[in-house]
Amino acid sequence: TGTVLWRHPLRYNGTSVAASPVVAGDLVYASRAYPGSLSAAQAGAVAVRLASSGNAFSVNPAWSKVNQLMNHWATPVHYNGHLYGMFGHGNLQFKCVELTTGVEKWTANGFGYGAVSVVDGKILASSEDGWLVLVDPNPSSYMELARFRALNARG
């Protein structure tokens, strides 16, 4: 019907919010980059937990990270309770983040403005400079399974 069932306010500095929300069960994750200041909650990530009673919905904050876990352009993916994606603003890093807590499990450098997908139970990450990297979705540690130069990046 187009009826709004719930809302949760999320401030940003007015530039853009390019990454889409990620929904996993009763959790909704959202992130915005472009910090307006180092103290105002205008950038960073939040997760909220949805609940329903009949036709009524309620939203409760699960966690938030001011000016942390910023998804500049690419939306992270959810797999087995964790988010995998490119996080940061300017100097992006490939990270694994526990969705229920916002705790960073591992970080890998060298991907820049890339993107991620889930493919056959693995994470496929593309890097800014043309690499496709197959990664084991293990929250304990970053484990690269294969790497292929898909594009020849020339500046």
N, C-alpha and C. Protein backbone atom coordinates (compact mmCIF):
# COMPACT_ATOMS: atom_id res chain seq x y z
N THR A 1 0.81 -1.22 0.00
CA THR A 1 0.00 0.00 0.00
C THR A 1 0.84 1.26 0.00
N GLY A 2 2.12 1.14 0.28
CA GLY A 2 2.97 2.32 0.36
C GLY A 2 2.96 2.96 1.73
N THR A 3 2.27 2.36 2.69
CA THR A 3 2.21 2.90 4.04
C THR A 3 3.55 2.71 4.74
N VAL A 4 4.06 3.77 5.38
CA VAL A 4 5.30 3.69 6.14
C VAL A 4 5.02 2.91 7.42
N LEU A 5 5.79 1.84 7.63
CA LEU A 5 5.59 0.99 8.80
C LEU A 5 6.49 1.37 9.97
N TRP A 6 7.65 1.93 9.68
CA TRP A 6 8.55 2.38 10.73
C TRP A 6 9.55 3.37 10.15
N ARG A 7 10.17 4.15 11.04
CA ARG A 7 11.21 5.10 10.68
C ARG A 7 12.26 5.12 11.77
N HIS A 8 13.47 5.48 11.36
CA HIS A 8 14.54 5.71 12.32
C HIS A 8 15.36 6.88 11.79
N PRO A 9 15.47 7.98 12.54
CA PRO A 9 16.22 9.14 12.04
C PRO A 9 17.71 8.83 11.90
N LEU A 10 18.29 9.34 10.82
CA LEU A 10 19.71 9.13 10.55
C LEU A 10 20.25 10.41 9.94
N ARG A 11 21.04 11.15 10.71
CA ARG A 11 21.60 12.41 10.21
C ARG A 11 22.76 12.15 9.27
N TYR A 12 22.91 13.04 8.32
CA TYR A 12 24.09 13.03 7.46
C TYR A 12 24.41 14.47 7.11
N ASN A 13 25.56 14.71 6.50
CA ASN A 13 26.00 16.09 6.33
C ASN A 13 25.47 16.74 5.06
N GLY A 14 24.62 16.07 4.31
CA GLY A 14 23.99 16.67 3.14
C GLY A 14 24.66 16.37 1.82
N THR A 15 25.82 15.69 1.83
CA THR A 15 26.50 15.39 0.57
C THR A 15 25.80 14.25 -0.16
N SER A 16 25.79 13.07 0.43
CA SER A 16 25.07 11.94 -0.15
C SER A 16 25.13 10.76 0.81
N VAL A 17 24.23 9.84 0.61
CA VAL A 17 24.28 8.54 1.25
C VAL A 17 24.18 7.55 0.11
N ALA A 18 25.33 7.03 -0.35
CA ALA A 18 25.36 6.21 -1.56
C ALA A 18 25.15 4.73 -1.28
N ALA A 19 25.59 4.23 -0.14
CA ALA A 19 25.44 2.80 0.18
C ALA A 19 24.01 2.54 0.62
N SER A 20 23.47 1.42 0.19
CA SER A 20 22.10 1.02 0.56
C SER A 20 22.09 0.36 1.94
N PRO A 21 20.96 0.40 2.63
CA PRO A 21 20.85 -0.35 3.89
C PRO A 21 20.98 -1.84 3.62
N VAL A 22 21.42 -2.58 4.63
CA VAL A 22 21.52 -4.03 4.55
C VAL A 22 20.56 -4.61 5.60
N VAL A 23 19.68 -5.49 5.16
CA VAL A 23 18.70 -6.11 6.05
C VAL A 23 19.08 -7.57 6.25
N ALA A 24 19.16 -7.99 7.51
CA ALA A 24 19.48 -9.37 7.84
C ALA A 24 18.62 -9.77 9.05
N GLY A 25 17.60 -10.53 8.81
CA GLY A 25 16.69 -10.90 9.89
C GLY A 25 16.00 -9.67 10.44
N ASP A 26 16.12 -9.45 11.75
CA ASP A 26 15.49 -8.29 12.37
C ASP A 26 16.43 -7.10 12.49
N LEU A 27 17.63 -7.19 11.91
CA LEU A 27 18.60 -6.09 11.96
C LEU A 27 18.66 -5.35 10.63
N VAL A 28 18.75 -4.03 10.72
CA VAL A 28 18.95 -3.18 9.55
C VAL A 28 20.20 -2.35 9.80
N TYR A 29 21.16 -2.46 8.87
CA TYR A 29 22.43 -1.74 8.97
C TYR A 29 22.41 -0.62 7.93
N ALA A 30 22.87 0.56 8.34
CA ALA A 30 22.99 1.69 7.41
C ALA A 30 24.28 2.44 7.73
N SER A 31 24.89 2.99 6.68
CA SER A 31 26.14 3.72 6.84
C SER A 31 26.16 4.92 5.92
N ARG A 32 26.87 5.95 6.34
CA ARG A 32 27.05 7.14 5.50
C ARG A 32 28.47 7.65 5.72
N ALA A 33 29.04 8.18 4.65
CA ALA A 33 30.40 8.72 4.70
C ALA A 33 30.32 10.24 4.78
N TYR A 34 31.37 10.91 4.39
CA TYR A 34 31.45 12.38 4.40
C TYR A 34 31.19 12.97 5.78
N PRO A 35 32.10 12.75 6.73
CA PRO A 35 31.88 13.32 8.05
C PRO A 35 31.84 14.84 8.00
N GLY A 36 30.82 15.42 8.58
CA GLY A 36 30.69 16.87 8.64
C GLY A 36 31.56 17.45 9.74
N SER A 37 31.74 16.69 10.80
CA SER A 37 32.63 17.08 11.90
C SER A 37 33.07 15.80 12.59
N LEU A 38 34.04 15.91 13.45
CA LEU A 38 34.51 14.72 14.14
C LEU A 38 33.67 14.36 15.34
N SER A 39 32.74 15.23 15.74
CA SER A 39 31.94 14.94 16.93
C SER A 39 30.47 14.71 16.62
N ALA A 40 29.94 15.32 15.57
CA ALA A 40 28.52 15.15 15.25
C ALA A 40 28.30 13.81 14.57
N ALA A 41 27.21 13.16 14.91
CA ALA A 41 26.89 11.84 14.35
C ALA A 41 26.29 12.01 12.95
N GLN A 42 27.09 12.55 12.03
CA GLN A 42 26.63 12.75 10.66
C GLN A 42 27.27 11.77 9.70
N ALA A 43 28.16 10.94 10.19
CA ALA A 43 28.79 9.91 9.37
C ALA A 43 29.04 8.71 10.27
N GLY A 44 29.27 7.58 9.64
CA GLY A 44 29.48 6.36 10.40
C GLY A 44 28.35 5.38 10.16
N ALA A 45 28.27 4.38 11.01
CA ALA A 45 27.32 3.29 10.81
C ALA A 45 26.40 3.14 12.00
N VAL A 46 25.21 2.62 11.73
CA VAL A 46 24.24 2.27 12.76
C VAL A 46 23.58 0.95 12.39
N ALA A 47 23.15 0.25 13.41
CA ALA A 47 22.31 -0.93 13.22
C ALA A 47 21.13 -0.80 14.16
N VAL A 48 19.96 -1.08 13.64
CA VAL A 48 18.75 -1.05 14.46
C VAL A 48 18.08 -2.41 14.41
N ARG A 49 17.36 -2.72 15.48
CA ARG A 49 16.64 -3.98 15.58
C ARG A 49 15.14 -3.69 15.47
N LEU A 50 14.48 -4.40 14.58
CA LEU A 50 13.05 -4.23 14.39
C LEU A 50 12.29 -5.26 15.20
N ALA A 51 11.13 -4.85 15.69
CA ALA A 51 10.22 -5.76 16.39
C ALA A 51 8.82 -5.43 15.95
N SER A 52 7.95 -6.42 15.99
CA SER A 52 6.56 -6.15 15.62
C SER A 52 5.62 -6.81 16.61
N SER A 53 4.50 -6.18 16.77
CA SER A 53 3.42 -6.70 17.59
C SER A 53 2.15 -6.45 16.82
N GLY A 54 1.62 -7.49 16.22
CA GLY A 54 0.47 -7.31 15.34
C GLY A 54 0.90 -6.52 14.12
N ASN A 55 0.25 -5.40 13.88
CA ASN A 55 0.59 -4.53 12.75
C ASN A 55 1.50 -3.37 13.13
N ALA A 56 1.90 -3.32 14.42
CA ALA A 56 2.74 -2.21 14.89
C ALA A 56 4.20 -2.63 14.92
N PHE A 57 5.08 -1.75 14.44
CA PHE A 57 6.52 -2.00 14.43
C PHE A 57 7.21 -1.04 15.37
N SER A 58 8.28 -1.52 15.99
CA SER A 58 9.13 -0.64 16.80
C SER A 58 10.57 -0.84 16.36
N VAL A 59 11.37 0.19 16.57
CA VAL A 59 12.77 0.19 16.18
C VAL A 59 13.60 0.54 17.40
N ASN A 60 14.60 -0.28 17.68
CA ASN A 60 15.51 -0.02 18.80
C ASN A 60 16.94 -0.04 18.30
N PRO A 61 17.73 0.97 18.69
CA PRO A 61 19.14 0.97 18.27
C PRO A 61 19.87 -0.26 18.80
N ALA A 62 20.65 -0.90 17.95
CA ALA A 62 21.49 -2.03 18.37
C ALA A 62 22.89 -1.51 18.69
N TRP A 63 23.45 -0.69 17.80
CA TRP A 63 24.76 -0.08 18.01
C TRP A 63 24.96 1.04 17.00
N SER A 64 25.94 1.90 17.28
CA SER A 64 26.30 2.96 16.33
C SER A 64 27.79 3.25 16.47
N LYS A 65 28.39 3.70 15.38
CA LYS A 65 29.81 4.04 15.34
C LYS A 65 29.96 5.39 14.64
N VAL A 66 30.16 6.45 15.41
CA VAL A 66 30.30 7.78 14.86
C VAL A 66 31.62 7.87 14.09
N ASN A 67 31.53 8.28 12.81
CA ASN A 67 32.69 8.44 11.93
C ASN A 67 33.54 7.17 11.80
N GLN A 68 32.93 6.03 11.99
CA GLN A 68 33.60 4.74 11.81
C GLN A 68 32.71 3.87 10.93
N LEU A 69 33.29 2.87 10.32
CA LEU A 69 32.57 1.94 9.44
C LEU A 69 31.77 2.67 8.37
N MET A 70 32.41 3.69 7.80
CA MET A 70 31.75 4.45 6.73
C MET A 70 31.85 3.68 5.42
N ASN A 71 30.71 3.47 4.78
CA ASN A 71 30.69 2.90 3.44
C ASN A 71 30.55 4.05 2.47
N HIS A 72 31.63 4.37 1.79
CA HIS A 72 31.65 5.54 0.94
C HIS A 72 30.75 5.39 -0.27
N TRP A 73 30.89 4.33 -1.04
CA TRP A 73 30.06 4.11 -2.21
C TRP A 73 29.42 2.74 -2.22
N ALA A 74 30.21 1.71 -2.00
CA ALA A 74 29.73 0.34 -2.16
C ALA A 74 29.03 -0.18 -0.90
N THR A 75 27.90 -0.82 -1.10
CA THR A 75 27.15 -1.44 -0.02
C THR A 75 27.84 -2.75 0.39
N PRO A 76 28.06 -2.97 1.69
CA PRO A 76 28.62 -4.26 2.09
C PRO A 76 27.59 -5.37 1.91
N VAL A 77 28.07 -6.62 1.96
CA VAL A 77 27.17 -7.76 1.89
C VAL A 77 27.10 -8.42 3.26
N HIS A 78 25.98 -9.08 3.52
CA HIS A 78 25.80 -9.85 4.75
C HIS A 78 25.97 -11.32 4.42
N TYR A 79 26.78 -12.01 5.23
CA TYR A 79 26.95 -13.45 5.07
C TYR A 79 27.22 -14.06 6.43
N ASN A 80 26.37 -14.99 6.86
CA ASN A 80 26.54 -15.71 8.13
C ASN A 80 26.81 -14.80 9.33
N GLY A 81 26.01 -13.75 9.46
CA GLY A 81 26.12 -12.88 10.63
C GLY A 81 27.17 -11.80 10.57
N HIS A 82 27.83 -11.66 9.42
CA HIS A 82 28.90 -10.67 9.29
C HIS A 82 28.71 -9.83 8.03
N LEU A 83 29.20 -8.61 8.09
CA LEU A 83 29.23 -7.73 6.93
C LEU A 83 30.63 -7.79 6.34
N TYR A 84 30.70 -7.87 5.02
CA TYR A 84 31.98 -7.84 4.30
C TYR A 84 31.89 -6.71 3.30
N GLY A 85 32.85 -5.79 3.34
CA GLY A 85 32.79 -4.67 2.41
C GLY A 85 33.97 -3.74 2.53
N MET A 86 33.89 -2.69 1.71
CA MET A 86 34.91 -1.65 1.69
C MET A 86 34.46 -0.52 2.60
N PHE A 87 35.26 -0.22 3.60
CA PHE A 87 34.90 0.76 4.62
C PHE A 87 35.94 1.87 4.66
N GLY A 88 35.48 3.08 4.91
CA GLY A 88 36.37 4.22 5.07
C GLY A 88 35.94 5.37 4.20
N HIS A 89 36.73 6.42 4.25
CA HIS A 89 36.50 7.61 3.44
C HIS A 89 37.87 8.11 3.01
N GLY A 90 38.17 7.99 1.73
CA GLY A 90 39.50 8.35 1.24
C GLY A 90 40.43 7.16 1.20
N ASN A 91 40.70 6.56 2.34
CA ASN A 91 41.57 5.38 2.44
C ASN A 91 40.70 4.19 2.84
N LEU A 92 40.11 3.53 1.85
CA LEU A 92 39.20 2.43 2.14
C LEU A 92 39.94 1.14 2.43
N GLN A 93 39.32 0.33 3.30
CA GLN A 93 39.86 -0.97 3.67
C GLN A 93 38.76 -2.01 3.56
N PHE A 94 39.13 -3.21 3.17
CA PHE A 94 38.22 -4.34 3.12
C PHE A 94 38.12 -4.88 4.54
N LYS A 95 36.89 -4.96 5.06
CA LYS A 95 36.71 -5.38 6.46
C LYS A 95 35.65 -6.46 6.58
N CYS A 96 35.76 -7.20 7.66
CA CYS A 96 34.72 -8.11 8.13
C CYS A 96 34.23 -7.54 9.46
N VAL A 97 32.91 -7.33 9.57
CA VAL A 97 32.32 -6.71 10.76
C VAL A 97 31.19 -7.60 11.26
N GLU A 98 31.19 -7.90 12.54
CA GLU A 98 30.09 -8.66 13.13
C GLU A 98 28.85 -7.79 13.15
N LEU A 99 27.77 -8.24 12.52
CA LEU A 99 26.59 -7.40 12.36
C LEU A 99 25.90 -7.11 13.68
N THR A 100 25.80 -8.05 14.59
CA THR A 100 25.05 -7.81 15.83
C THR A 100 25.73 -6.83 16.77
N THR A 101 27.06 -6.67 16.66
CA THR A 101 27.80 -5.82 17.61
C THR A 101 28.53 -4.64 16.98
N GLY A 102 28.81 -4.71 15.68
CA GLY A 102 29.62 -3.68 15.03
C GLY A 102 31.11 -3.86 15.27
N VAL A 103 31.51 -4.98 15.82
CA VAL A 103 32.93 -5.25 16.10
C VAL A 103 33.63 -5.67 14.82
N GLU A 104 34.75 -4.99 14.54
CA GLU A 104 35.56 -5.34 13.37
C GLU A 104 36.35 -6.60 13.68
N LYS A 105 36.22 -7.60 12.81
CA LYS A 105 36.89 -8.87 13.02
C LYS A 105 38.26 -8.91 12.32
N TRP A 106 38.35 -8.34 11.11
CA TRP A 106 39.63 -8.23 10.42
C TRP A 106 39.57 -7.11 9.38
N THR A 107 40.76 -6.70 8.95
CA THR A 107 40.91 -5.63 7.96
C THR A 107 41.99 -6.05 6.97
N ALA A 108 41.74 -5.78 5.68
CA ALA A 108 42.74 -6.03 4.64
C ALA A 108 42.91 -4.75 3.83
N ASN A 109 44.13 -4.36 3.59
CA ASN A 109 44.43 -3.17 2.82
C ASN A 109 44.60 -3.50 1.33
N GLY A 110 44.64 -2.45 0.52
CA GLY A 110 44.97 -2.62 -0.90
C GLY A 110 43.80 -2.79 -1.83
N PHE A 111 42.58 -2.55 -1.39
CA PHE A 111 41.42 -2.71 -2.26
C PHE A 111 40.87 -1.39 -2.77
N GLY A 112 41.00 -0.33 -1.99
CA GLY A 112 40.49 0.98 -2.40
C GLY A 112 38.99 0.96 -2.64
N TYR A 113 38.57 1.71 -3.66
CA TYR A 113 37.15 1.82 -3.98
C TYR A 113 36.70 0.59 -4.77
N GLY A 114 36.58 -0.52 -4.09
CA GLY A 114 36.14 -1.76 -4.71
C GLY A 114 34.73 -2.10 -4.28
N ALA A 115 34.35 -3.33 -4.54
CA ALA A 115 33.01 -3.80 -4.19
C ALA A 115 33.10 -5.28 -3.84
N VAL A 116 32.04 -5.80 -3.23
CA VAL A 116 32.00 -7.19 -2.83
C VAL A 116 30.68 -7.83 -3.23
N SER A 117 30.74 -9.16 -3.44
CA SER A 117 29.56 -9.98 -3.71
C SER A 117 29.74 -11.30 -2.99
N VAL A 118 28.63 -11.98 -2.73
CA VAL A 118 28.68 -13.35 -2.24
C VAL A 118 28.45 -14.24 -3.44
N VAL A 119 29.39 -15.18 -3.67
CA VAL A 119 29.31 -16.09 -4.80
C VAL A 119 29.59 -17.50 -4.30
N ASP A 120 28.60 -18.36 -4.37
CA ASP A 120 28.76 -19.77 -4.02
C ASP A 120 29.43 -19.96 -2.65
N GLY A 121 28.97 -19.20 -1.67
CA GLY A 121 29.49 -19.34 -0.31
C GLY A 121 30.85 -18.72 -0.07
N LYS A 122 31.32 -17.92 -1.00
CA LYS A 122 32.60 -17.21 -0.85
C LYS A 122 32.35 -15.73 -1.08
N ILE A 123 33.32 -14.90 -0.71
CA ILE A 123 33.23 -13.46 -0.95
C ILE A 123 34.12 -13.15 -2.16
N LEU A 124 33.55 -12.49 -3.14
CA LEU A 124 34.29 -12.05 -4.31
C LEU A 124 34.45 -10.54 -4.19
N ALA A 125 35.68 -10.10 -4.06
CA ALA A 125 35.98 -8.67 -3.90
C ALA A 125 36.70 -8.17 -5.14
N SER A 126 36.27 -7.01 -5.60
CA SER A 126 36.99 -6.36 -6.70
C SER A 126 37.75 -5.18 -6.12
N SER A 127 38.94 -4.96 -6.64
CA SER A 127 39.74 -3.85 -6.14
C SER A 127 39.69 -2.69 -7.13
N GLU A 128 40.06 -1.54 -6.65
CA GLU A 128 40.09 -0.32 -7.47
C GLU A 128 41.04 -0.44 -8.65
N ASP A 129 42.08 -1.25 -8.50
CA ASP A 129 43.07 -1.34 -9.57
C ASP A 129 42.94 -2.60 -10.43
N GLY A 130 41.74 -3.22 -10.44
CA GLY A 130 41.45 -4.27 -11.40
C GLY A 130 41.58 -5.71 -10.97
N TRP A 131 41.82 -5.97 -9.70
CA TRP A 131 41.93 -7.35 -9.23
C TRP A 131 40.57 -7.88 -8.79
N LEU A 132 40.31 -9.16 -9.09
CA LEU A 132 39.20 -9.91 -8.50
C LEU A 132 39.83 -10.86 -7.50
N VAL A 133 39.33 -10.83 -6.26
CA VAL A 133 39.93 -11.63 -5.21
C VAL A 133 38.85 -12.48 -4.56
N LEU A 134 39.06 -13.78 -4.52
CA LEU A 134 38.14 -14.71 -3.87
C LEU A 134 38.61 -14.90 -2.44
N VAL A 135 37.69 -14.65 -1.48
CA VAL A 135 38.05 -14.65 -0.07
C VAL A 135 37.15 -15.63 0.69
N ASP A 136 37.76 -16.40 1.58
CA ASP A 136 37.01 -17.29 2.46
C ASP A 136 36.28 -16.42 3.49
N PRO A 137 34.96 -16.58 3.63
CA PRO A 137 34.23 -15.75 4.60
C PRO A 137 34.41 -16.26 6.03
N ASN A 138 35.62 -16.19 6.51
CA ASN A 138 35.98 -16.63 7.85
C ASN A 138 36.17 -15.39 8.71
N PRO A 139 35.30 -15.17 9.71
CA PRO A 139 35.45 -13.96 10.52
C PRO A 139 36.70 -13.96 11.41
N SER A 140 37.35 -15.10 11.59
CA SER A 140 38.54 -15.15 12.44
C SER A 140 39.76 -14.52 11.79
N SER A 141 39.87 -14.63 10.45
CA SER A 141 41.03 -14.04 9.79
C SER A 141 40.76 -13.91 8.30
N TYR A 142 41.45 -12.95 7.68
CA TYR A 142 41.38 -12.75 6.24
C TYR A 142 42.13 -13.88 5.56
N MET A 143 41.45 -14.59 4.66
CA MET A 143 42.10 -15.68 3.95
C MET A 143 41.76 -15.58 2.47
N GLU A 144 42.76 -15.18 1.70
CA GLU A 144 42.62 -15.05 0.25
C GLU A 144 42.77 -16.42 -0.38
N LEU A 145 41.78 -16.80 -1.21
CA LEU A 145 41.80 -18.11 -1.86
C LEU A 145 42.36 -18.04 -3.28
N ALA A 146 42.09 -16.94 -3.98
CA ALA A 146 42.58 -16.78 -5.36
C ALA A 146 42.54 -15.31 -5.72
N ARG A 147 43.36 -14.95 -6.70
CA ARG A 147 43.44 -13.56 -7.18
C ARG A 147 43.64 -13.60 -8.69
N PHE A 148 42.88 -12.75 -9.39
CA PHE A 148 42.95 -12.71 -10.85
C PHE A 148 42.93 -11.26 -11.32
N ARG A 149 43.85 -10.90 -12.21
CA ARG A 149 43.89 -9.55 -12.78
C ARG A 149 42.82 -9.49 -13.87
N ALA A 150 41.68 -8.93 -13.56
CA ALA A 150 40.56 -8.86 -14.51
C ALA A 150 40.65 -7.65 -15.42
N LEU A 151 41.18 -6.54 -14.90
CA LEU A 151 41.32 -5.31 -15.68
C LEU A 151 42.73 -4.78 -15.50
N ASN A 152 43.25 -4.18 -16.52
CA ASN A 152 44.55 -3.55 -16.43
C ASN A 152 44.34 -2.08 -16.12
N ALA A 153 44.48 -1.74 -14.86
CA ALA A 153 44.24 -0.36 -14.41
C ALA A 153 45.39 0.54 -14.82
N ARG A 154 45.06 1.56 -15.57
CA ARG A 154 46.08 2.55 -15.99
C ARG A 154 45.56 3.94 -15.65
N GLY A 155 46.41 4.73 -15.01
CA GLY A 155 45.99 6.04 -14.56
C GLY A 155 46.18 7.14 -15.50
